[in-house]
Amino acid sequence: MFGFELHVAGVINAVVDAFVGQFGGFLRMLSRAVENGFDGLVDILAWPPAIVVIAILVALIWFITRSYKLALGSFVALSLIPLMGFWSYALDTLVLVIFATAVSLLFAVPLGIMMGISEKAASIMRPILDLMQTMPAFVYLIPAVMLFGVGKVPAVFATMIFAMPPPIRLTYLGIKEVSGEVKEAAISYGATRRQLLFDVQLPLAVPTIMAGINQCIMLALSMAVIASMIGAAGLGGEVLRSISRLDIGYGFEAGISIVFLAIILDRVTSAIHQRTKLEDTSREEAQA
């Protein structure tokens, strides 16, 4: 159409090759650390009988949510997974989600705070977040494989990057939603910028940040299934295997196990979100 073609693939490949060549030792060390931590947590969860782990998880769910209905439903759903023979795969998926979510939040919350206190940082981060959220999920697998090869480590990396934008945006939104009157009152009482952020803005932003954590967990779980294409262990790999064998029943069992995990994680994080909203409302009423 224009009489010439524009190709950037060669440039990108050269940059990635140079990066891997320069930081290959660090990447291998990071890969071993993540893989050892991943396998260690899986071994810890897989050592006791499934019923013991389920009982601990259900007790933890009740302690967090104080909901007997949710605890009972979680017990039934989690008990069905080993009965169908997918317990070890479910543990792999759960650990992958925990790892990816924890690392995502480690970067996402500080980035969201930085956007909340600096409009310049926000203007730089917005187009990057737009790009990350509109990029097809499968594209994230490419740099993960190029940097770390095939296996659990690139799956954690791809899942982490894919799940990061919502908590960044919602942390930023929670800080910006704090009313100007509240901030002016804190400043008038002599609050420093640090005190304003950590004692006023962040506590009031907690309900919105919790919504971001919920979205982060759900995206991590969805990406954990896609990451089975690059060697991630877990339920996603069993779904992929059922597709290759055209085994609809086996795929349904693996898929419904993923659904059970997703519902439990969503309900637990939603319950925490609702509790933080109620506590926030009570705090505001007490201050009024």
C-alpha atoms as a PDB file:
ATOM      1  CA  MET A   1       0.000   0.000   0.000  1.00  0.00           C
ATOM      2  CA  PHE A   2       2.756   2.472   0.969  1.00  0.00           C
ATOM      3  CA  GLY A   3       5.458   0.931  -1.209  1.00  0.00           C
ATOM      4  CA  PHE A   4       7.516  -0.314   1.741  1.00  0.00           C
ATOM      5  CA  GLU A   5       7.187  -2.686   4.686  1.00  0.00           C
ATOM      6  CA  LEU A   6       7.998  -2.125   8.328  1.00  0.00           C
ATOM      7  CA  HIS A   7       9.385  -5.092  10.259  1.00  0.00           C
ATOM      8  CA  VAL A   8      10.245  -4.863  13.955  1.00  0.00           C
ATOM      9  CA  ALA A   9      10.490  -8.596  14.684  1.00  0.00           C
ATOM     10  CA  GLY A  10      14.231  -8.670  14.008  1.00  0.00           C
ATOM     11  CA  VAL A  11      14.882  -5.731  16.310  1.00  0.00           C
ATOM     12  CA  ILE A  12      12.811  -7.236  19.115  1.00  0.00           C
ATOM     13  CA  ASN A  13      14.530 -10.611  18.741  1.00  0.00           C
ATOM     14  CA  ALA A  14      17.939  -8.929  18.841  1.00  0.00           C
ATOM     15  CA  VAL A  15      17.028  -6.989  21.986  1.00  0.00           C
ATOM     16  CA  VAL A  16      15.736 -10.113  23.733  1.00  0.00           C
ATOM     17  CA  ASP A  17      18.815 -12.129  22.705  1.00  0.00           C
ATOM     18  CA  ALA A  18      21.085  -9.375  24.023  1.00  0.00           C
ATOM     19  CA  PHE A  19      19.120  -9.205  27.285  1.00  0.00           C
ATOM     20  CA  VAL A  20      19.285 -12.974  27.802  1.00  0.00           C
ATOM     21  CA  GLY A  21      22.983 -12.991  26.965  1.00  0.00           C
ATOM     22  CA  GLN A  22      23.694 -10.176  29.419  1.00  0.00           C
ATOM     23  CA  PHE A  23      21.499 -11.370  32.291  1.00  0.00           C
ATOM     24  CA  GLY A  24      21.393 -15.113  31.619  1.00  0.00           C
ATOM     25  CA  GLY A  25      23.066 -15.975  34.928  1.00  0.00           C
ATOM     26  CA  PHE A  26      20.619 -13.891  36.930  1.00  0.00           C
ATOM     27  CA  LEU A  27      17.652 -15.370  35.047  1.00  0.00           C
ATOM     28  CA  ARG A  28      18.859 -18.916  35.754  1.00  0.00           C
ATOM     29  CA  MET A  29      19.323 -18.096  39.439  1.00  0.00           C
ATOM     30  CA  LEU A  30      15.864 -16.509  39.601  1.00  0.00           C
ATOM     31  CA  SER A  31      14.372 -19.488  37.790  1.00  0.00           C
ATOM     32  CA  ARG A  32      15.911 -21.971  40.247  1.00  0.00           C
ATOM     33  CA  ALA A  33      14.729 -19.918  43.237  1.00  0.00           C
ATOM     34  CA  VAL A  34      11.135 -19.711  41.966  1.00  0.00           C
ATOM     35  CA  GLU A  35      11.050 -23.392  41.001  1.00  0.00           C
ATOM     36  CA  ASN A  36      12.461 -24.517  44.374  1.00  0.00           C
ATOM     37  CA  GLY A  37       9.962 -22.334  46.240  1.00  0.00           C
ATOM     38  CA  PHE A  38       7.100 -23.583  44.068  1.00  0.00           C
ATOM     39  CA  ASP A  39       8.017 -27.251  44.480  1.00  0.00           C
ATOM     40  CA  GLY A  40       8.632 -26.803  48.207  1.00  0.00           C
ATOM     41  CA  LEU A  41       5.172 -25.333  48.806  1.00  0.00           C
ATOM     42  CA  VAL A  42       3.540 -28.045  46.696  1.00  0.00           C
ATOM     43  CA  ASP A  43       5.420 -30.742  48.665  1.00  0.00           C
ATOM     44  CA  ILE A  44       4.282 -29.222  51.976  1.00  0.00           C
ATOM     45  CA  LEU A  45       0.631 -29.210  50.876  1.00  0.00           C
ATOM     46  CA  ALA A  46       0.858 -32.682  49.321  1.00  0.00           C
ATOM     47  CA  TRP A  47       2.494 -34.335  52.361  1.00  0.00           C
ATOM     48  CA  PRO A  48      -0.589 -34.609  54.635  1.00  0.00           C
ATOM     49  CA  PRO A  49      -3.669 -36.539  53.484  1.00  0.00           C
ATOM     50  CA  ALA A  50      -6.045 -34.505  51.350  1.00  0.00           C
ATOM     51  CA  ILE A  51      -8.729 -34.465  54.053  1.00  0.00           C
ATOM     52  CA  VAL A  52      -6.315 -32.817  56.512  1.00  0.00           C
ATOM     53  CA  VAL A  53      -5.397 -30.068  54.048  1.00  0.00           C
ATOM     54  CA  ILE A  54      -9.074 -29.556  53.189  1.00  0.00           C
ATOM     55  CA  ALA A  55      -9.965 -29.276  56.879  1.00  0.00           C
ATOM     56  CA  ILE A  56      -7.221 -26.675  57.410  1.00  0.00           C
ATOM     57  CA  LEU A  57      -8.326 -24.681  54.372  1.00  0.00           C
ATOM     58  CA  VAL A  58     -11.987 -24.775  55.429  1.00  0.00           C
ATOM     59  CA  ALA A  59     -11.074 -23.654  58.957  1.00  0.00           C
ATOM     60  CA  LEU A  60      -9.019 -20.815  57.474  1.00  0.00           C
ATOM     61  CA  ILE A  61     -11.933 -19.825  55.218  1.00  0.00           C
ATOM     62  CA  TRP A  62     -14.318 -19.750  58.190  1.00  0.00           C
ATOM     63  CA  PHE A  63     -11.831 -17.737  60.276  1.00  0.00           C
ATOM     64  CA  ILE A  64     -11.487 -15.150  57.488  1.00  0.00           C
ATOM     65  CA  THR A  65     -15.130 -14.880  56.462  1.00  0.00           C
ATOM     66  CA  ARG A  66     -17.042 -16.048  59.587  1.00  0.00           C
ATOM     67  CA  SER A  67     -19.515 -17.647  57.190  1.00  0.00           C
ATOM     68  CA  TYR A  68     -20.666 -21.189  57.991  1.00  0.00           C
ATOM     69  CA  LYS A  69     -22.396 -21.469  54.610  1.00  0.00           C
ATOM     70  CA  LEU A  70     -19.214 -20.581  52.730  1.00  0.00           C
ATOM     71  CA  ALA A  71     -17.150 -22.920  54.910  1.00  0.00           C
ATOM     72  CA  LEU A  72     -19.568 -25.805  54.312  1.00  0.00           C
ATOM     73  CA  GLY A  73     -19.761 -25.117  50.576  1.00  0.00           C
ATOM     74  CA  SER A  74     -15.977 -24.937  50.390  1.00  0.00           C
ATOM     75  CA  PHE A  75     -15.682 -28.270  52.203  1.00  0.00           C
ATOM     76  CA  VAL A  76     -18.049 -29.947  49.748  1.00  0.00           C
ATOM     77  CA  ALA A  77     -16.354 -28.424  46.689  1.00  0.00           C
ATOM     78  CA  LEU A  78     -12.819 -29.189  47.869  1.00  0.00           C
ATOM     79  CA  SER A  79     -13.801 -32.742  48.836  1.00  0.00           C
ATOM     80  CA  LEU A  80     -15.089 -33.434  45.336  1.00  0.00           C
ATOM     81  CA  ILE A  81     -11.710 -32.622  43.778  1.00  0.00           C
ATOM     82  CA  PRO A  82      -9.770 -35.584  45.309  1.00  0.00           C
ATOM     83  CA  LEU A  83     -12.783 -37.838  44.782  1.00  0.00           C
ATOM     84  CA  MET A  84     -12.436 -37.135  41.056  1.00  0.00           C
ATOM     85  CA  GLY A  85      -8.678 -37.744  41.235  1.00  0.00           C
ATOM     86  CA  PHE A  86      -7.485 -34.181  40.637  1.00  0.00           C
ATOM     87  CA  TRP A  87      -6.157 -33.222  44.066  1.00  0.00           C
ATOM     88  CA  SER A  88      -2.452 -33.107  43.155  1.00  0.00           C
ATOM     89  CA  TYR A  89      -3.233 -31.065  40.027  1.00  0.00           C
ATOM     90  CA  ALA A  90      -5.415 -28.699  42.056  1.00  0.00           C
ATOM     91  CA  LEU A  91      -2.535 -28.110  44.485  1.00  0.00           C
ATOM     92  CA  ASP A  92      -0.230 -27.235  41.578  1.00  0.00           C
ATOM     93  CA  THR A  93      -2.780 -24.744  40.248  1.00  0.00           C
ATOM     94  CA  LEU A  94      -3.435 -23.265  43.695  1.00  0.00           C
ATOM     95  CA  VAL A  95       0.277 -22.775  44.380  1.00  0.00           C
ATOM     96  CA  LEU A  96       0.765 -21.204  40.958  1.00  0.00           C
ATOM     97  CA  VAL A  97      -2.057 -18.736  41.661  1.00  0.00           C
ATOM     98  CA  ILE A  98      -0.691 -17.958  45.143  1.00  0.00           C
ATOM     99  CA  PHE A  99       2.820 -17.389  43.802  1.00  0.00           C
ATOM    100  CA  ALA A 100       1.719 -15.241  40.878  1.00  0.00           C
ATOM    101  CA  THR A 101      -0.744 -13.202  42.955  1.00  0.00           C
ATOM    102  CA  ALA A 102       1.780 -12.551  45.725  1.00  0.00           C
ATOM    103  CA  VAL A 103       4.459 -11.361  43.304  1.00  0.00           C
ATOM    104  CA  SER A 104       1.925  -9.300  41.320  1.00  0.00           C
ATOM    105  CA  LEU A 105       0.762  -7.494  44.457  1.00  0.00           C
ATOM    106  CA  LEU A 106       4.356  -6.958  45.560  1.00  0.00           C
ATOM    107  CA  PHE A 107       4.813  -4.774  42.470  1.00  0.00           C
ATOM    108  CA  ALA A 108       1.225  -3.637  41.798  1.00  0.00           C
ATOM    109  CA  VAL A 109       0.387  -1.959  45.117  1.00  0.00           C
ATOM    110  CA  PRO A 110       3.541   0.234  45.214  1.00  0.00           C
ATOM    111  CA  LEU A 111       3.011   1.168  41.564  1.00  0.00           C
ATOM    112  CA  GLY A 112      -0.611   2.099  42.286  1.00  0.00           C
ATOM    113  CA  ILE A 113       0.506   4.186  45.255  1.00  0.00           C
ATOM    114  CA  MET A 114       3.109   5.904  43.094  1.00  0.00           C
ATOM    115  CA  MET A 115       0.415   6.745  40.539  1.00  0.00           C
ATOM    116  CA  GLY A 116      -1.843   8.037  43.305  1.00  0.00           C
ATOM    117  CA  ILE A 117       0.710  10.508  44.640  1.00  0.00           C
ATOM    118  CA  SER A 118       2.267  11.552  41.318  1.00  0.00           C
ATOM    119  CA  GLU A 119       0.265  12.637  38.271  1.00  0.00           C
ATOM    120  CA  LYS A 120       3.409  12.376  36.153  1.00  0.00           C
ATOM    121  CA  ALA A 121       3.791   8.712  37.108  1.00  0.00           C
ATOM    122  CA  ALA A 122       0.076   8.183  36.436  1.00  0.00           C
ATOM    123  CA  SER A 123       0.356   9.715  32.946  1.00  0.00           C
ATOM    124  CA  ILE A 124       3.273   7.386  32.155  1.00  0.00           C
ATOM    125  CA  MET A 125       1.639   4.258  33.586  1.00  0.00           C
ATOM    126  CA  ARG A 126      -1.834   4.664  32.013  1.00  0.00           C
ATOM    127  CA  PRO A 127      -0.814   3.814  28.408  1.00  0.00           C
ATOM    128  CA  ILE A 128       1.343   0.953  29.682  1.00  0.00           C
ATOM    129  CA  LEU A 129      -1.616  -0.470  31.618  1.00  0.00           C
ATOM    130  CA  ASP A 130      -3.870   0.023  28.585  1.00  0.00           C
ATOM    131  CA  LEU A 131      -1.393  -1.985  26.515  1.00  0.00           C
ATOM    132  CA  MET A 132      -1.138  -4.724  29.138  1.00  0.00           C
ATOM    133  CA  GLN A 133      -4.911  -5.069  29.478  1.00  0.00           C
ATOM    134  CA  THR A 134      -5.636  -5.126  25.742  1.00  0.00           C
ATOM    135  CA  MET A 135      -2.817  -7.526  24.861  1.00  0.00           C
ATOM    136  CA  PRO A 136      -4.128 -11.060  24.123  1.00  0.00           C
ATOM    137  CA  ALA A 137      -3.333 -13.440  26.969  1.00  0.00           C
ATOM    138  CA  PHE A 138      -1.392 -15.824  24.728  1.00  0.00           C
ATOM    139  CA  VAL A 139       1.103 -13.083  23.853  1.00  0.00           C
ATOM    140  CA  TYR A 140       2.383 -13.096  27.427  1.00  0.00           C
ATOM    141  CA  LEU A 141       3.589 -16.655  26.926  1.00  0.00           C
ATOM    142  CA  ILE A 142       6.142 -15.593  24.293  1.00  0.00           C
ATOM    143  CA  PRO A 143       8.513 -13.450  26.416  1.00  0.00           C
ATOM    144  CA  ALA A 144       8.091 -15.859  29.331  1.00  0.00           C
ATOM    145  CA  VAL A 145       9.332 -18.771  27.218  1.00  0.00           C
ATOM    146  CA  MET A 146      12.126 -16.696  25.648  1.00  0.00           C
ATOM    147  CA  LEU A 147      13.442 -15.660  29.070  1.00  0.00           C
ATOM    148  CA  PHE A 148      12.873 -18.802  31.140  1.00  0.00           C
ATOM    149  CA  GLY A 149      12.256 -21.675  28.716  1.00  0.00           C
ATOM    150  CA  VAL A 150       9.343 -24.068  29.244  1.00  0.00           C
ATOM    151  CA  GLY A 151       7.947 -25.093  32.618  1.00  0.00           C
ATOM    152  CA  LYS A 152       6.559 -23.698  35.852  1.00  0.00           C
ATOM    153  CA  VAL A 153       8.769 -20.604  36.064  1.00  0.00           C
ATOM    154  CA  PRO A 154       7.631 -18.996  32.780  1.00  0.00           C
ATOM    155  CA  ALA A 155       4.048 -19.844  33.767  1.00  0.00           C
ATOM    156  CA  VAL A 156       4.469 -17.895  37.021  1.00  0.00           C
ATOM    157  CA  PHE A 157       6.068 -15.005  35.127  1.00  0.00           C
ATOM    158  CA  ALA A 158       3.351 -14.814  32.460  1.00  0.00           C
ATOM    159  CA  THR A 159       0.565 -15.166  35.039  1.00  0.00           C
ATOM    160  CA  MET A 160       2.091 -12.451  37.222  1.00  0.00           C
ATOM    161  CA  ILE A 161       2.327  -9.926  34.369  1.00  0.00           C
ATOM    162  CA  PHE A 162      -1.166 -10.735  33.108  1.00  0.00           C
ATOM    163  CA  ALA A 163      -2.758 -10.306  36.555  1.00  0.00           C
ATOM    164  CA  MET A 164      -0.954  -7.101  37.536  1.00  0.00           C
ATOM    165  CA  PRO A 165      -2.961  -4.242  35.876  1.00  0.00           C
ATOM    166  CA  PRO A 166      -6.227  -4.455  37.918  1.00  0.00           C
ATOM    167  CA  PRO A 167      -4.600  -4.083  41.358  1.00  0.00           C
ATOM    168  CA  ILE A 168      -2.454  -1.223  40.034  1.00  0.00           C
ATOM    169  CA  ARG A 169      -5.479   0.633  38.678  1.00  0.00           C
ATOM    170  CA  LEU A 170      -7.676  -0.007  41.715  1.00  0.00           C
ATOM    171  CA  THR A 171      -4.951   0.969  44.182  1.00  0.00           C
ATOM    172  CA  TYR A 172      -4.568   4.211  42.241  1.00  0.00           C
ATOM    173  CA  LEU A 173      -8.346   4.679  42.131  1.00  0.00           C
ATOM    174  CA  GLY A 174      -8.721   4.033  45.854  1.00  0.00           C
ATOM    175  CA  ILE A 175      -6.146   6.692  46.724  1.00  0.00           C
ATOM    176  CA  LYS A 176      -7.611   9.250  44.312  1.00  0.00           C
ATOM    177  CA  GLU A 177     -11.144   8.642  45.614  1.00  0.00           C
ATOM    178  CA  VAL A 178     -10.261   9.939  49.084  1.00  0.00           C
ATOM    179  CA  SER A 179     -12.177  13.203  49.351  1.00  0.00           C
ATOM    180  CA  GLY A 180     -10.368  16.513  49.352  1.00  0.00           C
ATOM    181  CA  GLU A 181     -12.098  17.510  52.594  1.00  0.00           C
ATOM    182  CA  VAL A 182     -10.605  14.545  54.428  1.00  0.00           C
ATOM    183  CA  LYS A 183      -7.133  15.331  53.121  1.00  0.00           C
ATOM    184  CA  GLU A 184      -7.468  19.021  53.963  1.00  0.00           C
ATOM    185  CA  ALA A 185      -8.586  18.144  57.488  1.00  0.00           C
ATOM    186  CA  ALA A 186      -5.592  15.863  57.988  1.00  0.00           C
ATOM    187  CA  ILE A 187      -3.209  18.515  56.673  1.00  0.00           C
ATOM    188  CA  SER A 188      -4.785  21.154  58.886  1.00  0.00           C
ATOM    189  CA  TYR A 189      -4.044  18.940  61.901  1.00  0.00           C
ATOM    190  CA  GLY A 190      -0.391  18.891  60.886  1.00  0.00           C
ATOM    191  CA  ALA A 191      -0.147  15.605  58.976  1.00  0.00           C
ATOM    192  CA  THR A 192       2.957  15.213  56.824  1.00  0.00           C
ATOM    193  CA  ARG A 193       2.761  13.771  53.294  1.00  0.00           C
ATOM    194  CA  ARG A 194       3.876  10.405  54.646  1.00  0.00           C
ATOM    195  CA  GLN A 195       1.259  10.464  57.412  1.00  0.00           C
ATOM    196  CA  LEU A 196      -1.389  11.600  54.942  1.00  0.00           C
ATOM    197  CA  LEU A 197      -0.633   8.632  52.710  1.00  0.00           C
ATOM    198  CA  PHE A 198      -0.219   5.862  55.295  1.00  0.00           C
ATOM    199  CA  ASP A 199      -2.626   7.040  57.985  1.00  0.00           C
ATOM    200  CA  VAL A 200      -5.426   8.538  55.879  1.00  0.00           C
ATOM    201  CA  GLN A 201      -5.419   7.676  52.187  1.00  0.00           C
ATOM    202  CA  LEU A 202      -4.329   4.016  52.292  1.00  0.00           C
ATOM    203  CA  PRO A 203      -6.693   2.961  55.117  1.00  0.00           C
ATOM    204  CA  LEU A 204      -9.617   4.573  53.284  1.00  0.00           C
ATOM    205  CA  ALA A 205      -8.498   2.951  50.013  1.00  0.00           C
ATOM    206  CA  VAL A 206      -8.386  -0.579  51.466  1.00  0.00           C
ATOM    207  CA  PRO A 207     -11.877  -1.644  50.190  1.00  0.00           C
ATOM    208  CA  THR A 208     -10.964  -0.614  46.632  1.00  0.00           C
ATOM    209  CA  ILE A 209      -7.544  -2.268  46.912  1.00  0.00           C
ATOM    210  CA  MET A 210      -9.272  -5.481  48.047  1.00  0.00           C
ATOM    211  CA  ALA A 211     -11.417  -5.372  44.911  1.00  0.00           C
ATOM    212  CA  GLY A 212      -8.173  -5.176  42.928  1.00  0.00           C
ATOM    213  CA  ILE A 213      -6.781  -8.189  44.797  1.00  0.00           C
ATOM    214  CA  ASN A 214      -9.943 -10.127  43.952  1.00  0.00           C
ATOM    215  CA  GLN A 215      -9.535  -9.315  40.260  1.00  0.00           C
ATOM    216  CA  CYS A 216      -5.839 -10.192  40.440  1.00  0.00           C
ATOM    217  CA  ILE A 217      -6.613 -13.659  41.829  1.00  0.00           C
ATOM    218  CA  MET A 218      -9.293 -14.343  39.218  1.00  0.00           C
ATOM    219  CA  LEU A 219      -7.022 -13.282  36.345  1.00  0.00           C
ATOM    220  CA  ALA A 220      -4.163 -15.342  37.768  1.00  0.00           C
ATOM    221  CA  LEU A 221      -6.402 -18.404  37.871  1.00  0.00           C
ATOM    222  CA  SER A 222      -7.565 -17.882  34.288  1.00  0.00           C
ATOM    223  CA  MET A 223      -3.999 -17.370  33.075  1.00  0.00           C
ATOM    224  CA  ALA A 224      -2.815 -20.426  35.005  1.00  0.00           C
ATOM    225  CA  VAL A 225      -5.005 -22.506  32.694  1.00  0.00           C
ATOM    226  CA  ILE A 226      -3.623 -20.846  29.553  1.00  0.00           C
ATOM    227  CA  ALA A 227      -0.073 -21.231  30.873  1.00  0.00           C
ATOM    228  CA  SER A 228      -0.482 -25.001  30.660  1.00  0.00           C
ATOM    229  CA  MET A 229       0.513 -24.544  27.004  1.00  0.00           C
ATOM    230  CA  ILE A 230       4.082 -23.766  28.118  1.00  0.00           C
ATOM    231  CA  GLY A 231       4.401 -26.573  30.604  1.00  0.00           C
ATOM    232  CA  ALA A 232       2.625 -25.294  33.711  1.00  0.00           C
ATOM    233  CA  ALA A 233       1.531 -28.158  35.892  1.00  0.00           C
ATOM    234  CA  GLY A 234      -1.954 -28.324  37.291  1.00  0.00           C
ATOM    235  CA  LEU A 235      -5.562 -28.515  36.230  1.00  0.00           C
ATOM    236  CA  GLY A 236      -4.945 -26.459  33.094  1.00  0.00           C
ATOM    237  CA  GLY A 237      -2.586 -29.139  31.838  1.00  0.00           C
ATOM    238  CA  GLU A 238      -5.271 -31.770  32.343  1.00  0.00           C
ATOM    239  CA  VAL A 239      -7.776 -29.670  30.400  1.00  0.00           C
ATOM    240  CA  LEU A 240      -5.230 -29.380  27.586  1.00  0.00           C
ATOM    241  CA  ARG A 241      -4.630 -33.136  27.715  1.00  0.00           C
ATOM    242  CA  SER A 242      -8.361 -33.821  27.472  1.00  0.00           C
ATOM    243  CA  ILE A 243      -8.530 -31.634  24.366  1.00  0.00           C
ATOM    244  CA  SER A 244      -5.673 -33.494  22.707  1.00  0.00           C
ATOM    245  CA  ARG A 245      -7.369 -36.829  23.477  1.00  0.00           C
ATOM    246  CA  LEU A 246     -10.906 -35.557  22.755  1.00  0.00           C
ATOM    247  CA  ASP A 247     -11.922 -36.876  26.193  1.00  0.00           C
ATOM    248  CA  ILE A 248     -14.917 -34.685  27.040  1.00  0.00           C
ATOM    249  CA  GLY A 249     -15.642 -36.305  30.396  1.00  0.00           C
ATOM    250  CA  TYR A 250     -12.079 -35.969  31.666  1.00  0.00           C
ATOM    251  CA  GLY A 251     -11.993 -32.356  30.497  1.00  0.00           C
ATOM    252  CA  PHE A 252     -15.270 -31.646  32.308  1.00  0.00           C
ATOM    253  CA  GLU A 253     -13.909 -33.062  35.572  1.00  0.00           C
ATOM    254  CA  ALA A 254     -10.713 -30.988  35.300  1.00  0.00           C
ATOM    255  CA  GLY A 255     -12.719 -27.917  34.302  1.00  0.00           C
ATOM    256  CA  ILE A 256     -15.226 -28.222  37.136  1.00  0.00           C
ATOM    257  CA  SER A 257     -12.305 -28.535  39.579  1.00  0.00           C
ATOM    258  CA  ILE A 258     -11.021 -25.193  38.286  1.00  0.00           C
ATOM    259  CA  VAL A 259     -14.512 -23.745  38.740  1.00  0.00           C
ATOM    260  CA  PHE A 260     -14.579 -24.935  42.369  1.00  0.00           C
ATOM    261  CA  LEU A 261     -11.253 -23.213  43.093  1.00  0.00           C
ATOM    262  CA  ALA A 262     -12.361 -20.038  41.316  1.00  0.00           C
ATOM    263  CA  ILE A 263     -15.654 -19.813  43.228  1.00  0.00           C
ATOM    264  CA  ILE A 264     -13.979 -20.386  46.604  1.00  0.00           C
ATOM    265  CA  LEU A 265     -11.233 -17.815  45.959  1.00  0.00           C
ATOM    266  CA  ASP A 266     -13.767 -15.301  44.660  1.00  0.00           C
ATOM    267  CA  ARG A 267     -16.142 -15.724  47.600  1.00  0.00           C
ATOM    268  CA  VAL A 268     -13.360 -15.461  50.179  1.00  0.00           C
ATOM    269  CA  THR A 269     -11.827 -12.316  48.698  1.00  0.00           C
ATOM    270  CA  SER A 270     -15.302 -10.812  48.173  1.00  0.00           C
ATOM    271  CA  ALA A 271     -16.121 -11.451  51.827  1.00  0.00           C
ATOM    272  CA  ILE A 272     -12.923  -9.693  52.894  1.00  0.00           C
ATOM    273  CA  HIS A 273     -13.821  -6.834  50.544  1.00  0.00           C
ATOM    274  CA  GLN A 274     -17.288  -6.481  52.090  1.00  0.00           C
ATOM    275  CA  ARG A 275     -15.857  -6.568  55.607  1.00  0.00           C
ATOM    276  CA  THR A 276     -13.345  -3.820  54.823  1.00  0.00           C
ATOM    277  CA  LYS A 277     -16.160  -1.718  53.318  1.00  0.00           C
ATOM    278  CA  LEU A 278     -18.240  -2.123  56.477  1.00  0.00           C
ATOM    279  CA  GLU A 279     -15.278  -1.253  58.679  1.00  0.00           C
ATOM    280  CA  ASP A 280     -14.574   1.777  56.510  1.00  0.00           C
ATOM    281  CA  THR A 281     -18.197   2.919  56.775  1.00  0.00           C
ATOM    282  CA  SER A 282     -18.165   2.439  60.537  1.00  0.00           C
ATOM    283  CA  ARG A 283     -14.949   4.460  60.803  1.00  0.00           C
ATOM    284  CA  GLU A 284     -16.437   7.307  58.781  1.00  0.00           C
ATOM    285  CA  GLU A 285     -19.608   7.312  60.909  1.00  0.00           C
ATOM    286  CA  ALA A 286     -17.526   7.357  64.094  1.00  0.00           C
ATOM    287  CA  GLN A 287     -15.503  10.291  62.790  1.00  0.00           C
ATOM    288  CA  ALA A 288     -18.714  12.143  61.837  1.00  0.00           C
END
